[in-house]
PDB file of N, CA and C in Angstrom:
ATOM      1  N   MET A   1     -47.421 209.547  14.242  1.00  0.00           N
ATOM      2  CA  MET A   1     -46.273 208.769  13.238  1.00  0.00           C
ATOM      3  C   MET A   1     -46.276 207.263  13.585  1.00  0.00           C
ATOM      4  N   LYS A   2     -47.209 206.084  12.396  1.00  0.00           N
ATOM      5  CA  LYS A   2     -47.223 205.175  12.727  1.00  0.00           C
ATOM      6  C   LYS A   2     -46.365 204.200  13.035  1.00  0.00           C
ATOM      7  N   LYS A   3     -46.292 203.659  13.577  1.00  0.00           N
ATOM      8  CA  LYS A   3     -45.170 202.260  14.091  1.00  0.00           C
ATOM      9  C   LYS A   3     -44.877 201.513  12.250  1.00  0.00           C
ATOM     10  N   GLU A   4     -45.584 201.646  11.420  1.00  0.00           N
ATOM     11  CA  GLU A   4     -44.849 200.896   9.972  1.00  0.00           C
ATOM     12  C   GLU A   4     -44.377 202.130   9.507  1.00  0.00           C
ATOM     13  N   GLU A   5     -44.337 203.086   9.861  1.00  0.00           N
ATOM     14  CA  GLU A   5     -43.661 204.641   9.055  1.00  0.00           C
ATOM     15  C   GLU A   5     -42.662 204.194   9.389  1.00  0.00           C
ATOM     16  N   ILE A   6     -42.119 204.508  10.653  1.00  0.00           N
ATOM     17  CA  ILE A   6     -40.325 204.538  11.102  1.00  0.00           C
ATOM     18  C   ILE A   6     -39.670 203.578  10.075  1.00  0.00           C
ATOM     19  N   LYS A   7     -38.293 204.091  10.337  1.00  0.00           N
ATOM     20  CA  LYS A   7     -37.545 204.201   8.941  1.00  0.00           C
ATOM     21  C   LYS A   7     -35.859 204.789   9.362  1.00  0.00           C
ATOM     22  N   ARG A   8     -35.772 205.520  10.056  1.00  0.00           N
ATOM     23  CA  ARG A   8     -34.453 206.653  10.700  1.00  0.00           C
ATOM     24  C   ARG A   8     -34.539 206.507  12.211  1.00  0.00           C
ATOM     25  N   GLU A   9     -33.261 206.835  12.193  1.00  0.00           N
ATOM     26  CA  GLU A   9     -32.445 206.764  13.972  1.00  0.00           C
ATOM     27  C   GLU A   9     -33.359 208.595  14.556  1.00  0.00           C
ATOM     28  N   GLU A  10     -34.330 209.006  14.030  1.00  0.00           N
ATOM     29  CA  GLU A  10     -34.653 210.151  14.019  1.00  0.00           C
ATOM     30  C   GLU A  10     -36.177 209.971  13.959  1.00  0.00           C
ATOM     31  N   ASP A  11     -36.852 208.487  13.449  1.00  0.00           N
ATOM     32  CA  ASP A  11     -37.952 208.903  14.034  1.00  0.00           C
ATOM     33  C   ASP A  11     -38.656 207.573  15.301  1.00  0.00           C
ATOM     34  N   VAL A  12     -37.260 206.938  15.287  1.00  0.00           N
ATOM     35  CA  VAL A  12     -37.307 205.984  16.890  1.00  0.00           C
ATOM     36  C   VAL A  12     -37.157 206.948  18.053  1.00  0.00           C
ATOM     37  N   ILE A  13     -36.727 208.101  18.196  1.00  0.00           N
ATOM     38  CA  ILE A  13     -37.038 209.199  18.674  1.00  0.00           C
ATOM     39  C   ILE A  13     -37.855 209.727  19.086  1.00  0.00           C
ATOM     40  N   ASN A  14     -38.744 210.221  17.843  1.00  0.00           N
ATOM     41  CA  ASN A  14     -39.563 211.081  18.114  1.00  0.00           C
ATOM     42  C   ASN A  14     -40.881 209.457  18.565  1.00  0.00           C
ATOM     43  N   PHE A  15     -40.359 208.776  17.917  1.00  0.00           N
ATOM     44  CA  PHE A  15     -41.905 207.793  18.554  1.00  0.00           C
ATOM     45  C   PHE A  15     -41.958 207.093  19.771  1.00  0.00           C
ATOM     46  N   LEU A  16     -40.577 207.357  20.754  1.00  0.00           N
ATOM     47  CA  LEU A  16     -40.325 207.183  21.514  1.00  0.00           C
ATOM     48  C   LEU A  16     -40.402 208.126  23.103  1.00  0.00           C
ATOM     49  N   ARG A  17     -40.488 209.679  22.656  1.00  0.00           N
ATOM     50  CA  ARG A  17     -40.360 210.352  23.582  1.00  0.00           C
ATOM     51  C   ARG A  17     -41.435 210.468  24.722  1.00  0.00           C
ATOM     52  N   ASP A  18     -41.645 209.652  25.540  1.00  0.00           N
ATOM     53  CA  ASP A  18     -42.729 209.432  26.574  1.00  0.00           C
ATOM     54  C   ASP A  18     -41.845 208.764  27.160  1.00  0.00           C
ATOM     55  N   LYS A  19     -40.379 207.784  26.169  1.00  0.00           N
ATOM     56  CA  LYS A  19     -39.680 207.126  27.746  1.00  0.00           C
ATOM     57  C   LYS A  19     -38.556 207.876  28.366  1.00  0.00           C
ATOM     58  N   THR A  20     -37.740 206.977  28.849  1.00  0.00           N
ATOM     59  CA  THR A  20     -36.444 207.715  29.559  1.00  0.00           C
ATOM     60  C   THR A  20     -35.543 208.255  28.922  1.00  0.00           C
ATOM     61  N   GLU A  21     -34.731 208.778  29.209  1.00  0.00           N
ATOM     62  CA  GLU A  21     -33.302 209.239  28.469  1.00  0.00           C
ATOM     63  C   GLU A  21     -32.979 207.888  28.177  1.00  0.00           C
ATOM     64  N   PHE A  22     -32.446 206.895  29.440  1.00  0.00           N
ATOM     65  CA  PHE A  22     -32.020 205.374  29.708  1.00  0.00           C
ATOM     66  C   PHE A  22     -32.171 204.754  28.038  1.00  0.00           C
ATOM     67  N   GLU A  23     -33.980 204.507  27.999  1.00  0.00           N
ATOM     68  CA  GLU A  23     -34.249 203.970  27.468  1.00  0.00           C
ATOM     69  C   GLU A  23     -34.336 203.505  26.278  1.00  0.00           C
ATOM     70  N   ARG A  24     -34.705 205.349  25.886  1.00  0.00           N
ATOM     71  CA  ARG A  24     -34.506 205.657  24.212  1.00  0.00           C
ATOM     72  C   ARG A  24     -33.096 205.263  23.575  1.00  0.00           C
ATOM     73  N   ALA A  25     -32.377 205.454  24.975  1.00  0.00           N
ATOM     74  CA  ALA A  25     -30.459 205.622  24.357  1.00  0.00           C
ATOM     75  C   ALA A  25     -30.039 204.037  24.195  1.00  0.00           C
ATOM     76  N   VAL A  26     -30.904 203.281  24.473  1.00  0.00           N
ATOM     77  CA  VAL A  26     -30.991 201.432  24.544  1.00  0.00           C
ATOM     78  C   VAL A  26     -31.803 201.088  23.382  1.00  0.00           C
ATOM     79  N   LEU A  27     -32.540 201.495  23.035  1.00  0.00           N
ATOM     80  CA  LEU A  27     -33.354 201.403  21.900  1.00  0.00           C
ATOM     81  C   LEU A  27     -32.494 201.946  20.655  1.00  0.00           C
ATOM     82  N   VAL A  28     -32.000 203.221  20.788  1.00  0.00           N
ATOM     83  CA  VAL A  28     -31.787 203.693  19.159  1.00  0.00           C
ATOM     84  C   VAL A  28     -30.491 202.741  18.888  1.00  0.00           C
ATOM     85  N   ALA A  29     -29.927 202.781  19.802  1.00  0.00           N
ATOM     86  CA  ALA A  29     -28.217 201.556  19.986  1.00  0.00           C
ATOM     87  C   ALA A  29     -28.702 200.425  18.979  1.00  0.00           C
ATOM     88  N   THR A  30     -29.988 199.522  20.046  1.00  0.00           N
ATOM     89  CA  THR A  30     -30.395 198.528  19.373  1.00  0.00           C
ATOM     90  C   THR A  30     -30.530 198.387  18.210  1.00  0.00           C
ATOM     91  N   PHE A  31     -32.016 199.903  17.613  1.00  0.00           N
ATOM     92  CA  PHE A  31     -31.899 200.198  16.417  1.00  0.00           C
ATOM     93  C   PHE A  31     -30.737 200.045  15.162  1.00  0.00           C
ATOM     94  N   LYS A  32     -29.953 200.511  16.032  1.00  0.00           N
ATOM     95  CA  LYS A  32     -28.958 200.502  14.638  1.00  0.00           C
ATOM     96  C   LYS A  32     -27.718 199.577  14.372  1.00  0.00           C
ATOM     97  N   ILE A  33     -28.080 198.127  15.196  1.00  0.00           N
ATOM     98  CA  ILE A  33     -27.708 196.984  14.589  1.00  0.00           C
ATOM     99  C   ILE A  33     -27.628 196.878  13.512  1.00  0.00           C
ATOM    100  N   PRO A  34     -26.893 196.060  12.720  1.00  0.00           N
ATOM    101  CA  PRO A  34     -26.948 195.918  11.431  1.00  0.00           C
ATOM    102  C   PRO A  34     -27.754 194.322  11.126  1.00  0.00           C
ATOM    103  N   LYS A  35     -28.707 194.562  10.214  1.00  0.00           N
ATOM    104  CA  LYS A  35     -29.163 192.307   9.601  1.00  0.00           C
ATOM    105  C   LYS A  35     -27.484 192.007   9.971  1.00  0.00           C
ATOM    106  N   GLY A  36     -27.602 190.900  10.386  1.00  0.00           N
ATOM    107  CA  GLY A  36     -27.048 189.403  10.334  1.00  0.00           C
ATOM    108  C   GLY A  36     -26.803 189.921  11.569  1.00  0.00           C
ATOM    109  N   LYS A  37     -25.739 190.740  12.176  1.00  0.00           N
ATOM    110  CA  LYS A  37     -25.238 191.070  13.228  1.00  0.00           C
ATOM    111  C   LYS A  37     -25.696 190.764  14.973  1.00  0.00           C
ATOM    112  N   VAL A  38     -25.017 190.862  15.697  1.00  0.00           N
ATOM    113  CA  VAL A  38     -25.394 190.452  17.026  1.00  0.00           C
ATOM    114  C   VAL A  38     -24.700 191.599  17.373  1.00  0.00           C
ATOM    115  N   SER A  39     -25.159 191.739  19.302  1.00  0.00           N
ATOM    116  CA  SER A  39     -24.975 192.315  20.331  1.00  0.00           C
ATOM    117  C   SER A  39     -24.904 191.876  21.743  1.00  0.00           C
ATOM    118  N   THR A  40     -24.163 191.994  22.475  1.00  0.00           N
ATOM    119  CA  THR A  40     -24.549 191.465  23.879  1.00  0.00           C
ATOM    120  C   THR A  40     -25.672 192.724  24.994  1.00  0.00           C
ATOM    121  N   TYR A  41     -26.122 192.467  25.869  1.00  0.00           N
ATOM    122  CA  TYR A  41     -26.569 193.596  26.827  1.00  0.00           C
ATOM    123  C   TYR A  41     -25.122 193.993  27.291  1.00  0.00           C
ATOM    124  N   LYS A  42     -24.300 194.118  28.108  1.00  0.00           N
ATOM    125  CA  LYS A  42     -22.696 194.545  28.245  1.00  0.00           C
ATOM    126  C   LYS A  42     -23.136 195.450  26.831  1.00  0.00           C
ATOM    127  N   GLY A  43     -22.832 194.501  25.537  1.00  0.00           N
ATOM    128  CA  GLY A  43     -22.134 195.827  24.860  1.00  0.00           C
ATOM    129  C   GLY A  43     -23.124 197.014  24.748  1.00  0.00           C
ATOM    130  N   ILE A  44     -24.332 196.934  24.643  1.00  0.00           N
ATOM    131  CA  ILE A  44     -25.134 197.459  24.665  1.00  0.00           C
ATOM    132  C   ILE A  44     -25.631 198.473  25.462  1.00  0.00           C
ATOM    133  N   ALA A  45     -24.840 198.757  26.544  1.00  0.00           N
ATOM    134  CA  ALA A  45     -24.411 198.656  27.956  1.00  0.00           C
ATOM    135  C   ALA A  45     -23.140 199.786  27.920  1.00  0.00           C
ATOM    136  N   GLU A  46     -22.608 199.144  27.353  1.00  0.00           N
ATOM    137  CA  GLU A  46     -21.145 199.675  27.213  1.00  0.00           C
ATOM    138  C   GLU A  46     -20.955 201.163  26.080  1.00  0.00           C
ATOM    139  N   LYS A  47     -21.620 200.881  24.793  1.00  0.00           N
ATOM    140  CA  LYS A  47     -22.247 201.936  23.561  1.00  0.00           C
ATOM    141  C   LYS A  47     -23.298 203.018  24.242  1.00  0.00           C
ATOM    142  N   ILE A  48     -24.347 203.315  25.275  1.00  0.00           N
ATOM    143  CA  ILE A  48     -24.207 204.047  25.045  1.00  0.00           C
ATOM    144  C   ILE A  48     -23.866 204.453  26.874  1.00  0.00           C
ATOM    145  N   GLY A  49     -22.485 204.178  27.108  1.00  0.00           N
ATOM    146  CA  GLY A  49     -21.995 204.824  29.028  1.00  0.00           C
ATOM    147  C   GLY A  49     -21.946 204.376  29.851  1.00  0.00           C
ATOM    148  N   LYS A  50     -22.545 203.604  29.472  1.00  0.00           N
ATOM    149  CA  LYS A  50     -23.414 202.739  31.338  1.00  0.00           C
ATOM    150  C   LYS A  50     -22.949 201.775  30.984  1.00  0.00           C
ATOM    151  N   PRO A  51     -21.842 201.010  31.232  1.00  0.00           N
ATOM    152  CA  PRO A  51     -21.195 200.493  31.472  1.00  0.00           C
ATOM    153  C   PRO A  51     -21.647 198.889  32.329  1.00  0.00           C
ATOM    154  N   HIS A  52     -22.016 199.134  33.162  1.00  0.00           N
ATOM    155  CA  HIS A  52     -22.717 198.205  34.412  1.00  0.00           C
ATOM    156  C   HIS A  52     -24.218 197.821  33.982  1.00  0.00           C
ATOM    157  N   ALA A  53     -24.257 198.047  33.445  1.00  0.00           N
ATOM    158  CA  ALA A  53     -26.019 199.005  33.635  1.00  0.00           C
ATOM    159  C   ALA A  53     -27.050 197.265  32.782  1.00  0.00           C
ATOM    160  N   TYR A  54     -26.304 196.329  31.804  1.00  0.00           N
ATOM    161  CA  TYR A  54     -26.591 195.727  31.559  1.00  0.00           C
ATOM    162  C   TYR A  54     -27.684 195.026  31.635  1.00  0.00           C
ATOM    163  N   ARG A  55     -28.262 194.830  33.052  1.00  0.00           N
ATOM    164  CA  ARG A  55     -29.395 194.607  33.458  1.00  0.00           C
ATOM    165  C   ARG A  55     -30.176 195.405  33.286  1.00  0.00           C
ATOM    166  N   ALA A  56     -29.800 196.546  33.568  1.00  0.00           N
ATOM    167  CA  ALA A  56     -31.510 198.060  32.437  1.00  0.00           C
ATOM    168  C   ALA A  56     -31.157 198.074  31.617  1.00  0.00           C
ATOM    169  N   VAL A  57     -30.054 197.492  30.498  1.00  0.00           N
ATOM    170  CA  VAL A  57     -30.355 197.252  29.005  1.00  0.00           C
ATOM    171  C   VAL A  57     -31.524 196.380  28.998  1.00  0.00           C
ATOM    172  N   GLY A  58     -31.411 195.293  29.345  1.00  0.00           N
ATOM    173  CA  GLY A  58     -32.304 193.893  29.217  1.00  0.00           C
ATOM    174  C   GLY A  58     -33.957 194.567  30.180  1.00  0.00           C
ATOM    175  N   ASN A  59     -33.508 195.027  30.630  1.00  0.00           N
ATOM    176  CA  ASN A  59     -34.787 195.430  31.307  1.00  0.00           C
ATOM    177  C   ASN A  59     -36.083 196.830  30.507  1.00  0.00           C
ATOM    178  N   ALA A  60     -34.888 197.664  30.038  1.00  0.00           N
ATOM    179  CA  ALA A  60     -35.522 198.127  28.547  1.00  0.00           C
ATOM    180  C   ALA A  60     -36.142 197.702  27.405  1.00  0.00           C
ATOM    181  N   LEU A  61     -35.265 196.651  26.932  1.00  0.00           N
ATOM    182  CA  LEU A  61     -35.464 195.712  25.808  1.00  0.00           C
ATOM    183  C   LEU A  61     -36.530 195.086  25.608  1.00  0.00           C
ATOM    184  N   HIS A  62     -36.612 194.361  27.538  1.00  0.00           N
ATOM    185  CA  HIS A  62     -38.228 193.964  27.296  1.00  0.00           C
ATOM    186  C   HIS A  62     -39.301 194.427  27.087  1.00  0.00           C
ATOM    187  N   LYS A  63     -39.288 195.760  27.333  1.00  0.00           N
ATOM    188  CA  LYS A  63     -40.388 196.497  27.302  1.00  0.00           C
ATOM    189  C   LYS A  63     -41.070 197.194  25.688  1.00  0.00           C
ATOM    190  N   ASN A  64     -40.044 197.644  24.803  1.00  0.00           N
ATOM    191  CA  ASN A  64     -39.262 197.348  23.023  1.00  0.00           C
ATOM    192  C   ASN A  64     -41.133 197.509  23.104  1.00  0.00           C
ATOM    193  N   PRO A  65     -41.322 198.716  22.858  1.00  0.00           N
ATOM    194  CA  PRO A  65     -42.865 198.601  21.921  1.00  0.00           C
ATOM    195  C   PRO A  65     -42.796 198.864  20.805  1.00  0.00           C
ATOM    196  N   LEU A  66     -41.358 198.236  19.751  1.00  0.00           N
ATOM    197  CA  LEU A  66     -41.486 199.496  18.802  1.00  0.00           C
ATOM    198  C   LEU A  66     -40.724 197.525  18.381  1.00  0.00           C
ATOM    199  N   ALA A  67     -40.904 196.447  18.267  1.00  0.00           N
ATOM    200  CA  ALA A  67     -39.930 195.097  18.118  1.00  0.00           C
ATOM    201  C   ALA A  67     -41.441 194.830  17.204  1.00  0.00           C
ATOM    202  N   PRO A  68     -40.826 194.474  15.456  1.00  0.00           N
ATOM    203  CA  PRO A  68     -39.291 194.041  15.556  1.00  0.00           C
ATOM    204  C   PRO A  68     -38.503 195.073  14.546  1.00  0.00           C
ATOM    205  N   ILE A  69     -39.077 196.677  15.026  1.00  0.00           N
ATOM    206  CA  ILE A  69     -38.535 197.584  14.130  1.00  0.00           C
ATOM    207  C   ILE A  69     -37.558 197.898  15.022  1.00  0.00           C
ATOM    208  N   VAL A  70     -37.471 197.743  16.954  1.00  0.00           N
ATOM    209  CA  VAL A  70     -36.205 197.525  16.953  1.00  0.00           C
ATOM    210  C   VAL A  70     -35.393 195.981  17.420  1.00  0.00           C
ATOM    211  N   PRO A  71     -34.475 195.947  16.467  1.00  0.00           N
ATOM    212  CA  PRO A  71     -34.481 194.578  17.066  1.00  0.00           C
ATOM    213  C   PRO A  71     -33.943 193.525  17.941  1.00  0.00           C
ATOM    214  N   CYS A  72     -34.719 194.008  18.989  1.00  0.00           N
ATOM    215  CA  CYS A  72     -34.123 193.429  20.797  1.00  0.00           C
ATOM    216  C   CYS A  72     -34.176 192.130  20.519  1.00  0.00           C
ATOM    217  N   HIS A  73     -34.590 191.408  19.101  1.00  0.00           N
ATOM    218  CA  HIS A  73     -33.565 189.992  19.278  1.00  0.00           C
ATOM    219  C   HIS A  73     -32.733 189.647  18.613  1.00  0.00           C
ATOM    220  N   ARG A  74     -32.113 190.805  18.409  1.00  0.00           N
ATOM    221  CA  ARG A  74     -30.273 190.862  18.016  1.00  0.00           C
ATOM    222  C   ARG A  74     -29.487 190.801  19.079  1.00  0.00           C
ATOM    223  N   VAL A  75     -30.148 191.154  20.618  1.00  0.00           N
ATOM    224  CA  VAL A  75     -29.348 191.586  21.323  1.00  0.00           C
ATOM    225  C   VAL A  75     -29.345 190.072  22.348  1.00  0.00           C
ATOM    226  N   VAL A  76     -27.704 189.753  22.691  1.00  0.00           N
ATOM    227  CA  VAL A  76     -27.956 188.078  23.379  1.00  0.00           C
ATOM    228  C   VAL A  76     -27.149 188.287  24.883  1.00  0.00           C
ATOM    229  N   LYS A  77     -27.016 187.386  25.579  1.00  0.00           N
ATOM    230  CA  LYS A  77     -26.212 187.431  26.560  1.00  0.00           C
ATOM    231  C   LYS A  77     -24.838 187.377  26.107  1.00  0.00           C
ATOM    232  N   SER A  78     -23.909 187.402  27.266  1.00  0.00           N
ATOM    233  CA  SER A  78     -22.574 187.322  26.915  1.00  0.00           C
ATOM    234  C   SER A  78     -22.025 185.974  26.694  1.00  0.00           C
ATOM    235  N   ASP A  79     -22.843 184.957  27.664  1.00  0.00           N
ATOM    236  CA  ASP A  79     -22.964 183.160  26.488  1.00  0.00           C
ATOM    237  C   ASP A  79     -22.959 183.047  25.815  1.00  0.00           C
ATOM    238  N   GLY A  80     -23.541 183.833  25.087  1.00  0.00           N
ATOM    239  CA  GLY A  80     -24.424 183.836  23.505  1.00  0.00           C
ATOM    240  C   GLY A  80     -26.039 183.386  23.671  1.00  0.00           C
ATOM    241  N   GLY A  81     -26.210 182.933  24.104  1.00  0.00           N
ATOM    242  CA  GLY A  81     -27.118 182.682  25.603  1.00  0.00           C
ATOM    243  C   GLY A  81     -28.191 184.050  24.756  1.00  0.00           C
ATOM    244  N   PHE A  82     -30.325 183.422  24.569  1.00  0.00           N
ATOM    245  CA  PHE A  82     -30.649 184.552  24.813  1.00  0.00           C
ATOM    246  C   PHE A  82     -31.347 184.772  26.058  1.00  0.00           C
ATOM    247  N   GLY A  83     -31.682 186.172  25.962  1.00  0.00           N
ATOM    248  CA  GLY A  83     -31.961 186.745  27.021  1.00  0.00           C
ATOM    249  C   GLY A  83     -33.576 186.896  26.906  1.00  0.00           C
ATOM    250  N   GLY A  84     -34.934 187.493  27.919  1.00  0.00           N
ATOM    251  CA  GLY A  84     -36.068 186.953  27.986  1.00  0.00           C
ATOM    252  C   GLY A  84     -36.787 188.169  27.511  1.00  0.00           C
ATOM    253  N   GLU A  85     -36.568 188.286  26.204  1.00  0.00           N
ATOM    254  CA  GLU A  85     -37.758 188.970  25.305  1.00  0.00           C
ATOM    255  C   GLU A  85     -39.151 188.644  25.357  1.00  0.00           C
ATOM    256  N   LYS A  86     -39.907 189.705  25.121  1.00  0.00           N
ATOM    257  CA  LYS A  86     -41.241 189.196  24.894  1.00  0.00           C
ATOM    258  C   LYS A  86     -41.804 188.378  23.997  1.00  0.00           C
ATOM    259  N   LYS A  87     -42.461 186.808  24.496  1.00  0.00           N
ATOM    260  CA  LYS A  87     -43.344 186.232  23.424  1.00  0.00           C
ATOM    261  C   LYS A  87     -43.795 186.563  22.139  1.00  0.00           C
ATOM    262  N   GLY A  88     -43.731 186.345  20.873  1.00  0.00           N
ATOM    263  CA  GLY A  88     -43.745 186.972  19.920  1.00  0.00           C
ATOM    264  C   GLY A  88     -42.646 187.495  19.712  1.00  0.00           C
ATOM    265  N   ALA A  89     -42.399 188.202  19.707  1.00  0.00           N
ATOM    266  CA  ALA A  89     -40.626 189.167  19.428  1.00  0.00           C
ATOM    267  C   ALA A  89     -40.077 188.077  18.631  1.00  0.00           C
TER     268      ALA A  89
END
């Protein structure tokens, strides 16, 4: 499957077969953020059942191979600021 063909959650999961279970969970949760909405690193961590892993969420998003399909730009710090996403993302 080509990156451009990804449209559904199942497509994201299949594309990310080589990632860890944690990274897949983070990227799928981020994929589900609706257009026009944002979440926080802590919010994603809580959503995947790892409430104290917000720094690990940021690390997983920094390595996002599916930007902008998985919209890591919709994840912000709890104070509303931007995190350390990749250049060009």
